[in-house]
N, C-alpha and C. Protein backbone atom coordinates (compact mmCIF):
# COMPACT_ATOMS: atom_id res chain seq x y z
N MET A 1 0.81 -1.19 0.00
CA MET A 1 0.00 0.00 0.00
C MET A 1 0.87 1.27 0.00
N ARG A 2 1.96 1.16 0.74
CA ARG A 2 2.86 2.30 0.83
C ARG A 2 3.48 2.61 -0.54
N ARG A 3 3.73 1.56 -1.33
CA ARG A 3 4.29 1.76 -2.65
C ARG A 3 3.33 2.51 -3.56
N ILE A 4 2.07 2.22 -3.43
CA ILE A 4 1.06 2.88 -4.25
C ILE A 4 0.99 4.36 -3.90
N ILE A 5 1.05 4.68 -2.62
CA ILE A 5 0.99 6.07 -2.18
C ILE A 5 2.22 6.82 -2.68
N ASN A 6 3.41 6.21 -2.57
CA ASN A 6 4.62 6.83 -3.07
C ASN A 6 4.55 7.06 -4.57
N TYR A 7 3.99 6.07 -5.28
CA TYR A 7 3.87 6.18 -6.72
C TYR A 7 2.93 7.33 -7.09
N LYS A 8 1.79 7.44 -6.37
CA LYS A 8 0.85 8.52 -6.63
C LYS A 8 1.48 9.88 -6.34
N ALA A 9 2.25 9.96 -5.29
CA ALA A 9 2.92 11.22 -4.95
C ALA A 9 3.92 11.59 -6.03
N LYS A 10 4.64 10.59 -6.54
CA LYS A 10 5.60 10.85 -7.60
C LYS A 10 4.90 11.31 -8.88
N VAL A 11 3.78 10.68 -9.20
CA VAL A 11 3.04 11.03 -10.40
C VAL A 11 2.49 12.44 -10.27
N GLU A 12 1.97 12.79 -9.08
CA GLU A 12 1.45 14.14 -8.86
C GLU A 12 2.56 15.18 -8.95
N ALA A 13 3.73 14.86 -8.40
CA ALA A 13 4.86 15.78 -8.46
C ALA A 13 5.32 15.95 -9.91
N MET A 14 5.32 14.85 -10.67
CA MET A 14 5.71 14.95 -12.08
C MET A 14 4.70 15.78 -12.87
N GLY A 15 3.44 15.64 -12.55
CA GLY A 15 2.40 16.43 -13.22
C GLY A 15 2.58 17.91 -12.91
N LEU A 16 2.90 18.23 -11.66
CA LEU A 16 3.13 19.61 -11.27
C LEU A 16 4.35 20.18 -11.99
N ILE A 17 5.40 19.40 -12.07
CA ILE A 17 6.62 19.85 -12.76
C ILE A 17 6.34 20.04 -14.25
N LYS A 18 5.59 19.12 -14.87
CA LYS A 18 5.24 19.26 -16.28
C LYS A 18 4.43 20.53 -16.52
N THR A 19 3.47 20.78 -15.62
CA THR A 19 2.64 21.98 -15.77
C THR A 19 3.48 23.24 -15.69
N ILE A 20 4.38 23.30 -14.72
CA ILE A 20 5.26 24.46 -14.58
C ILE A 20 6.14 24.62 -15.81
N LEU A 21 6.68 23.52 -16.32
CA LEU A 21 7.52 23.59 -17.52
C LEU A 21 6.73 24.07 -18.74
N PHE A 22 5.48 23.58 -18.90
CA PHE A 22 4.64 24.05 -20.00
C PHE A 22 4.38 25.55 -19.90
N ILE A 23 4.08 26.02 -18.70
CA ILE A 23 3.82 27.45 -18.50
C ILE A 23 5.06 28.26 -18.87
N VAL A 24 6.23 27.84 -18.40
CA VAL A 24 7.47 28.57 -18.70
C VAL A 24 7.76 28.51 -20.20
N PHE A 25 7.56 27.34 -20.83
CA PHE A 25 7.79 27.19 -22.26
C PHE A 25 6.89 28.13 -23.07
N PHE A 26 5.60 28.14 -22.77
CA PHE A 26 4.67 29.00 -23.51
C PHE A 26 4.95 30.48 -23.25
N MET A 27 5.43 30.79 -22.06
CA MET A 27 5.77 32.18 -21.77
C MET A 27 6.93 32.63 -22.66
N TYR A 28 7.95 31.81 -22.79
CA TYR A 28 9.08 32.16 -23.65
C TYR A 28 8.69 32.19 -25.13
N VAL A 29 7.83 31.28 -25.56
CA VAL A 29 7.36 31.28 -26.94
C VAL A 29 6.57 32.56 -27.21
N PHE A 30 5.71 32.95 -26.27
CA PHE A 30 4.92 34.17 -26.43
C PHE A 30 5.84 35.39 -26.50
N LYS A 31 6.85 35.46 -25.64
CA LYS A 31 7.79 36.58 -25.69
C LYS A 31 8.52 36.65 -27.03
N PHE A 32 8.93 35.49 -27.52
CA PHE A 32 9.64 35.44 -28.81
C PHE A 32 8.73 35.92 -29.94
N LEU A 33 7.50 35.42 -29.97
CA LEU A 33 6.57 35.82 -31.03
C LEU A 33 6.18 37.30 -30.90
N ALA A 34 6.08 37.79 -29.67
CA ALA A 34 5.74 39.20 -29.47
C ALA A 34 6.87 40.08 -30.00
N ARG A 35 8.10 39.71 -29.75
CA ARG A 35 9.23 40.48 -30.28
C ARG A 35 9.30 40.41 -31.80
N LEU A 36 8.85 39.30 -32.34
CA LEU A 36 8.90 39.11 -33.78
C LEU A 36 7.81 39.92 -34.49
N PHE A 37 6.59 39.90 -33.95
CA PHE A 37 5.45 40.52 -34.62
C PHE A 37 5.09 41.91 -34.11
N ALA A 38 5.58 42.33 -32.97
CA ALA A 38 5.22 43.63 -32.39
C ALA A 38 5.55 44.80 -33.32
N PRO A 39 6.72 44.84 -33.95
CA PRO A 39 7.01 45.99 -34.84
C PRO A 39 6.00 46.11 -35.99
N PHE A 40 5.61 44.98 -36.56
CA PHE A 40 4.64 45.01 -37.66
C PHE A 40 3.28 45.51 -37.17
N LEU A 41 2.85 45.02 -36.01
CA LEU A 41 1.55 45.43 -35.48
C LEU A 41 1.56 46.90 -35.10
N LEU A 42 2.63 47.37 -34.48
CA LEU A 42 2.71 48.78 -34.10
C LEU A 42 2.74 49.68 -35.33
N LYS A 43 3.44 49.25 -36.37
CA LYS A 43 3.50 50.04 -37.60
C LYS A 43 2.12 50.13 -38.23
N LYS A 44 1.38 49.02 -38.22
CA LYS A 44 0.05 49.00 -38.80
C LYS A 44 -0.89 49.91 -38.02
N VAL A 45 -0.81 49.88 -36.70
CA VAL A 45 -1.65 50.74 -35.86
C VAL A 45 -1.30 52.21 -36.08
N ALA A 46 -0.01 52.52 -36.17
CA ALA A 46 0.42 53.90 -36.39
C ALA A 46 -0.07 54.40 -37.76
N ASN A 47 -0.01 53.56 -38.78
CA ASN A 47 -0.50 53.96 -40.11
C ASN A 47 -2.00 54.22 -40.10
N LYS A 48 -2.75 53.38 -39.37
CA LYS A 48 -4.20 53.57 -39.27
C LYS A 48 -4.51 54.91 -38.61
N MET A 49 -3.80 55.21 -37.51
CA MET A 49 -4.02 56.46 -36.80
C MET A 49 -3.68 57.65 -37.69
N GLN A 50 -2.61 57.54 -38.46
CA GLN A 50 -2.19 58.61 -39.35
C GLN A 50 -3.24 58.83 -40.45
N GLU A 51 -3.78 57.74 -40.98
CA GLU A 51 -4.82 57.86 -42.00
C GLU A 51 -6.07 58.54 -41.44
N LYS A 52 -6.46 58.17 -40.22
CA LYS A 52 -7.64 58.79 -39.60
C LYS A 52 -7.41 60.28 -39.37
N ALA A 53 -6.21 60.64 -38.91
CA ALA A 53 -5.91 62.05 -38.67
C ALA A 53 -5.92 62.82 -39.99
N ALA A 54 -5.38 62.24 -41.04
CA ALA A 54 -5.37 62.92 -42.34
C ALA A 54 -6.79 63.07 -42.87
N GLU A 55 -7.63 62.06 -42.66
CA GLU A 55 -9.02 62.15 -43.11
C GLU A 55 -9.77 63.24 -42.35
N GLN A 56 -9.56 63.32 -41.05
CA GLN A 56 -10.20 64.38 -40.27
C GLN A 56 -9.71 65.75 -40.73
N PHE A 57 -8.44 65.87 -41.02
CA PHE A 57 -7.88 67.15 -41.47
C PHE A 57 -8.51 67.54 -42.81
N ARG A 58 -8.64 66.57 -43.71
CA ARG A 58 -9.25 66.84 -45.02
C ARG A 58 -10.70 67.28 -44.87
N ASN A 59 -11.41 66.69 -43.91
CA ASN A 59 -12.81 67.04 -43.71
C ASN A 59 -12.96 68.44 -43.12
N GLN A 60 -11.95 68.93 -42.43
CA GLN A 60 -12.04 70.24 -41.81
C GLN A 60 -11.69 71.36 -42.79
N GLN A 61 -11.02 71.07 -43.85
CA GLN A 61 -10.62 72.09 -44.81
C GLN A 61 -11.86 72.60 -45.55
N PRO A 62 -12.08 73.94 -45.57
CA PRO A 62 -13.23 74.47 -46.30
C PRO A 62 -13.01 74.34 -47.80
N LYS A 63 -14.10 74.10 -48.50
CA LYS A 63 -14.01 73.99 -49.96
C LYS A 63 -13.91 75.40 -50.54
N SER A 64 -12.90 75.62 -51.32
CA SER A 64 -12.65 76.95 -51.88
C SER A 64 -13.39 77.10 -53.20
N THR A 65 -14.09 78.24 -53.35
CA THR A 65 -14.78 78.53 -54.61
C THR A 65 -13.98 79.49 -55.47
N VAL A 66 -12.79 79.84 -55.01
CA VAL A 66 -11.95 80.80 -55.73
C VAL A 66 -11.18 80.05 -56.82
N LYS A 67 -11.17 80.65 -58.00
CA LYS A 67 -10.44 80.04 -59.10
C LYS A 67 -8.95 80.29 -58.91
N GLU A 68 -8.15 79.43 -59.49
CA GLU A 68 -6.70 79.55 -59.36
C GLU A 68 -6.22 80.82 -60.03
N GLY A 69 -5.36 81.57 -59.34
CA GLY A 69 -4.82 82.81 -59.87
C GLY A 69 -5.64 84.03 -59.53
N GLU A 70 -6.79 83.84 -58.91
CA GLU A 70 -7.67 84.96 -58.55
C GLU A 70 -7.29 85.47 -57.17
N THR A 71 -7.30 86.80 -56.98
CA THR A 71 -6.95 87.40 -55.71
C THR A 71 -8.22 87.73 -54.94
N VAL A 72 -8.25 87.35 -53.66
CA VAL A 72 -9.43 87.58 -52.83
C VAL A 72 -8.98 88.24 -51.54
N ILE A 73 -9.69 89.27 -51.12
CA ILE A 73 -9.42 89.90 -49.83
C ILE A 73 -10.47 89.39 -48.87
N ASP A 74 -10.03 88.72 -47.83
CA ASP A 74 -10.96 88.11 -46.90
C ASP A 74 -11.61 89.12 -45.96
N LYS A 75 -10.85 90.12 -45.52
CA LYS A 75 -11.37 91.03 -44.51
C LYS A 75 -11.25 92.46 -45.01
N ALA A 76 -12.39 93.12 -45.09
CA ALA A 76 -12.41 94.52 -45.49
C ALA A 76 -12.36 95.36 -44.21
N PRO A 77 -11.75 96.55 -44.26
CA PRO A 77 -11.72 97.38 -43.07
C PRO A 77 -13.13 97.77 -42.66
N SER A 78 -13.34 97.85 -41.34
CA SER A 78 -14.68 98.16 -40.86
C SER A 78 -15.02 99.61 -41.18
N SER A 79 -16.30 99.85 -41.48
CA SER A 79 -16.73 101.19 -41.87
C SER A 79 -16.93 102.09 -40.66
N GLN A 80 -17.06 101.49 -39.50
CA GLN A 80 -17.26 102.30 -38.30
C GLN A 80 -15.92 102.85 -37.83
N ALA A 81 -15.94 104.14 -37.43
CA ALA A 81 -14.72 104.72 -36.88
C ALA A 81 -14.52 104.18 -35.47
N ARG A 82 -13.31 103.95 -35.12
CA ARG A 82 -13.03 103.42 -33.78
C ARG A 82 -13.29 104.50 -32.74
N VAL A 83 -14.02 104.12 -31.74
CA VAL A 83 -14.36 105.05 -30.68
C VAL A 83 -13.29 104.92 -29.60
N LYS A 84 -12.77 106.06 -29.18
CA LYS A 84 -11.73 106.05 -28.16
C LYS A 84 -12.40 106.02 -26.79
N ASN A 85 -12.19 104.96 -26.09
CA ASN A 85 -12.78 104.84 -24.76
C ASN A 85 -11.84 105.45 -23.73
N THR A 86 -12.23 106.59 -23.19
CA THR A 86 -11.44 107.20 -22.13
C THR A 86 -12.25 107.13 -20.85
N VAL A 87 -11.77 106.38 -19.94
CA VAL A 87 -12.48 106.21 -18.68
C VAL A 87 -12.14 107.35 -17.74
N GLY A 88 -10.96 107.82 -17.76
CA GLY A 88 -10.53 108.91 -16.89
C GLY A 88 -9.10 109.25 -17.21
N GLU A 89 -8.52 110.12 -16.44
CA GLU A 89 -7.14 110.47 -16.71
C GLU A 89 -6.22 109.76 -15.72
N TYR A 90 -4.98 109.67 -16.10
CA TYR A 90 -3.99 108.95 -15.32
C TYR A 90 -3.48 109.84 -14.19
N VAL A 91 -3.44 109.29 -12.98
CA VAL A 91 -2.93 110.04 -11.82
C VAL A 91 -1.73 109.29 -11.28
N ASP A 92 -0.62 110.01 -11.12
CA ASP A 92 0.59 109.41 -10.61
C ASP A 92 0.66 109.66 -9.10
N PHE A 93 0.74 108.61 -8.33
CA PHE A 93 0.80 108.73 -6.87
C PHE A 93 2.23 108.62 -6.39
N GLU A 94 2.54 109.33 -5.35
CA GLU A 94 3.85 109.24 -4.71
C GLU A 94 3.66 108.83 -3.27
N GLU A 95 4.62 108.09 -2.77
CA GLU A 95 4.54 107.68 -1.36
C GLU A 95 5.00 108.83 -0.48
N ILE A 96 4.31 109.00 0.64
CA ILE A 96 4.64 110.05 1.58
C ILE A 96 5.00 109.39 2.90
N ASP A 97 6.12 109.81 3.46
CA ASP A 97 6.52 109.29 4.76
C ASP A 97 5.61 109.87 5.82
N GLU A 98 5.33 109.09 6.84
CA GLU A 98 4.47 109.55 7.92
C GLU A 98 5.16 110.63 8.75
N ASP A 99 6.47 110.64 8.74
CA ASP A 99 7.23 111.64 9.51
C ASP A 99 7.04 113.04 8.93
N GLU A 100 6.80 113.14 7.65
CA GLU A 100 6.65 114.44 7.02
C GLU A 100 5.29 115.08 7.31
N LEU A 101 4.33 114.30 7.75
CA LEU A 101 3.01 114.85 8.02
C LEU A 101 3.00 115.62 9.26
């Protein structure tokens, strides 16, 4: 009976060791594949983001109705004369010592 228990303990220990080895093996395989494919995936993601940004930029550009070679003035001077806002006049203050009072 004791032999059977020892055998079961050995089998369980071997199963535990196999499981740990499989985990370590797959971890190293995953790291290797990540190093191999990560640059391609990152480049693809960066290109997608760049395309989206360019598309948004193109959508924001106003459509121009001006023909090529034609001169257009966007802002004409305002017809109203500028009103000078004077709130009051400037007063220069000087500090006075209390001893002089």
